[in-house]
């Protein structure tokens, strides 16, 4: 094995606010920041049930300018995510089984209707 998945990272100009947004959107909670950082550069968030990956929301100075080459897929409600401040990039249609959305910083993610 050459590599093994460790964590997921999301860049943000306002990493504190975006960490809170993702916590609300997917039910994650903040984890203690690494010693010596105290959230100045990164905010780790995690699934309190221990099932999802650790996500690091990292502070960057530059705004997002191009489409993500990698993104999150989530089960959820487009309407509820819109109410939280996400934007709809492309609605689910006959040719795709998901909607493409963007978080408040413009990072794209796909939303699939939960299976009943």
Protein backbone atom coordinates (compact mmCIF):
# COMPACT_ATOMS: atom_id res chain seq x y z
CA UNK A 1 0.00 0.00 0.00
CA UNK A 2 1.42 3.37 -1.04
CA UNK A 3 -1.00 5.59 0.88
CA UNK A 4 -3.99 5.35 3.21
CA UNK A 5 -6.77 7.91 3.71
CA UNK A 6 -6.23 10.05 6.81
CA UNK A 7 -8.34 13.25 6.92
CA UNK A 8 -10.23 15.67 4.72
CA UNK A 9 -9.29 19.37 4.49
CA UNK A 10 -11.39 22.36 3.42
CA UNK A 11 -9.84 25.79 2.82
CA UNK A 12 -11.62 28.96 3.91
CA UNK A 13 -10.91 32.65 4.34
CA UNK A 14 -13.15 32.61 7.44
CA UNK A 15 -12.30 29.17 8.76
CA UNK A 16 -14.06 29.73 12.09
CA UNK A 17 -17.42 30.53 10.46
CA UNK A 18 -17.10 27.79 7.85
CA UNK A 19 -16.27 25.19 10.53
CA UNK A 20 -19.44 26.19 12.37
CA UNK A 21 -21.44 26.02 9.12
CA UNK A 22 -20.26 22.49 8.32
CA UNK A 23 -20.88 21.41 11.94
CA UNK A 24 -24.48 22.57 11.63
CA UNK A 25 -24.93 21.15 8.13
CA UNK A 26 -23.64 17.63 8.81
CA UNK A 27 -23.93 17.24 12.57
CA UNK A 28 -20.23 17.45 13.32
CA UNK A 29 -18.69 19.10 16.38
CA UNK A 30 -15.47 20.96 16.95
CA UNK A 31 -12.51 19.06 18.27
CA UNK A 32 -9.71 20.70 20.27
CA UNK A 33 -7.27 22.55 18.02
CA UNK A 34 -3.69 21.30 17.89
CA UNK A 35 -1.42 22.54 20.68
CA UNK A 36 -0.02 25.94 19.84
CA UNK A 37 -2.69 26.73 17.21
CA UNK A 38 -5.88 27.34 19.25
CA UNK A 39 -7.84 27.67 16.02
CA UNK A 40 -5.80 30.49 14.52
CA UNK A 41 -4.92 28.49 11.42
CA UNK A 42 -7.15 25.43 11.50
CA UNK A 43 -10.32 24.12 13.10
CA UNK A 44 -10.72 20.35 13.33
CA UNK A 45 -14.30 19.08 13.26
CA UNK A 46 -15.46 15.50 13.65
CA UNK A 47 -18.44 13.20 13.69
CA UNK A 48 -19.41 12.73 17.36
CA UNK A 49 -20.62 9.21 16.48
CA UNK A 50 -17.15 8.35 15.19
CA UNK A 51 -18.33 7.29 11.73
CA UNK A 52 -17.26 10.14 9.45
CA UNK A 53 -13.76 11.36 8.66
CA UNK A 54 -11.95 14.07 10.58
CA UNK A 55 -12.25 17.36 8.67
CA UNK A 56 -9.76 20.20 9.03
CA UNK A 57 -11.09 23.64 8.08
CA UNK A 58 -7.93 25.55 7.24
CA UNK A 59 -7.45 29.31 7.05
CA UNK A 60 -6.21 30.61 3.71
CA UNK A 61 -5.90 34.21 2.56
CA UNK A 62 -7.05 33.73 -1.01
CA UNK A 63 -10.68 33.33 -2.07
CA UNK A 64 -11.79 30.29 -4.06
CA UNK A 65 -11.62 31.04 -7.77
CA UNK A 66 -12.10 27.78 -9.71
CA UNK A 67 -14.18 24.60 -9.51
CA UNK A 68 -13.11 22.05 -6.91
CA UNK A 69 -11.29 19.03 -8.28
CA UNK A 70 -12.33 17.06 -5.18
CA UNK A 71 -15.50 17.49 -3.15
CA UNK A 72 -17.75 16.04 -0.46
CA UNK A 73 -20.85 13.96 -1.18
CA UNK A 74 -23.54 14.16 1.51
CA UNK A 75 -27.01 12.75 2.12
CA UNK A 76 -29.35 15.62 2.86
CA UNK A 77 -32.05 18.11 2.06
CA UNK A 78 -31.33 20.79 -0.54
CA UNK A 79 -33.98 23.06 1.02
CA UNK A 80 -32.46 22.78 4.50
CA UNK A 81 -28.94 23.40 3.19
CA UNK A 82 -30.19 26.45 1.26
CA UNK A 83 -31.76 27.74 4.50
CA UNK A 84 -28.35 27.37 6.20
CA UNK A 85 -26.70 29.54 3.55
CA UNK A 86 -25.57 27.11 0.85
CA UNK A 87 -26.17 27.99 -2.78
CA UNK A 88 -27.55 25.74 -5.50
CA UNK A 89 -25.09 25.29 -8.37
CA UNK A 90 -27.03 22.65 -10.32
CA UNK A 91 -30.32 21.03 -9.39
CA UNK A 92 -30.95 17.31 -9.59
CA UNK A 93 -32.23 16.42 -13.04
CA UNK A 94 -33.04 13.34 -15.07
CA UNK A 95 -29.37 12.90 -16.03
CA UNK A 96 -27.93 13.27 -12.48
CA UNK A 97 -29.15 11.76 -9.22
CA UNK A 98 -27.82 14.58 -7.03
CA UNK A 99 -27.79 18.36 -6.68
CA UNK A 100 -24.55 20.32 -6.77
CA UNK A 101 -24.32 22.97 -4.06
CA UNK A 102 -21.70 25.31 -2.65
CA UNK A 103 -20.97 26.14 0.98
CA UNK A 104 -20.81 29.82 2.07
CA UNK A 105 -17.18 30.05 0.82
CA UNK A 106 -18.02 28.54 -2.57
CA UNK A 107 -16.67 25.01 -2.01
CA UNK A 108 -18.82 22.64 -4.08
CA UNK A 109 -20.43 19.51 -2.67
CA UNK A 110 -23.05 17.08 -3.96
CA UNK A 111 -26.30 16.38 -2.13
CA UNK A 112 -28.06 13.06 -2.52
CA UNK A 113 -31.62 12.46 -1.35
CA UNK A 114 -31.50 10.17 1.69
CA UNK A 115 -32.59 6.60 1.05
CA UNK A 116 -35.69 5.77 3.10
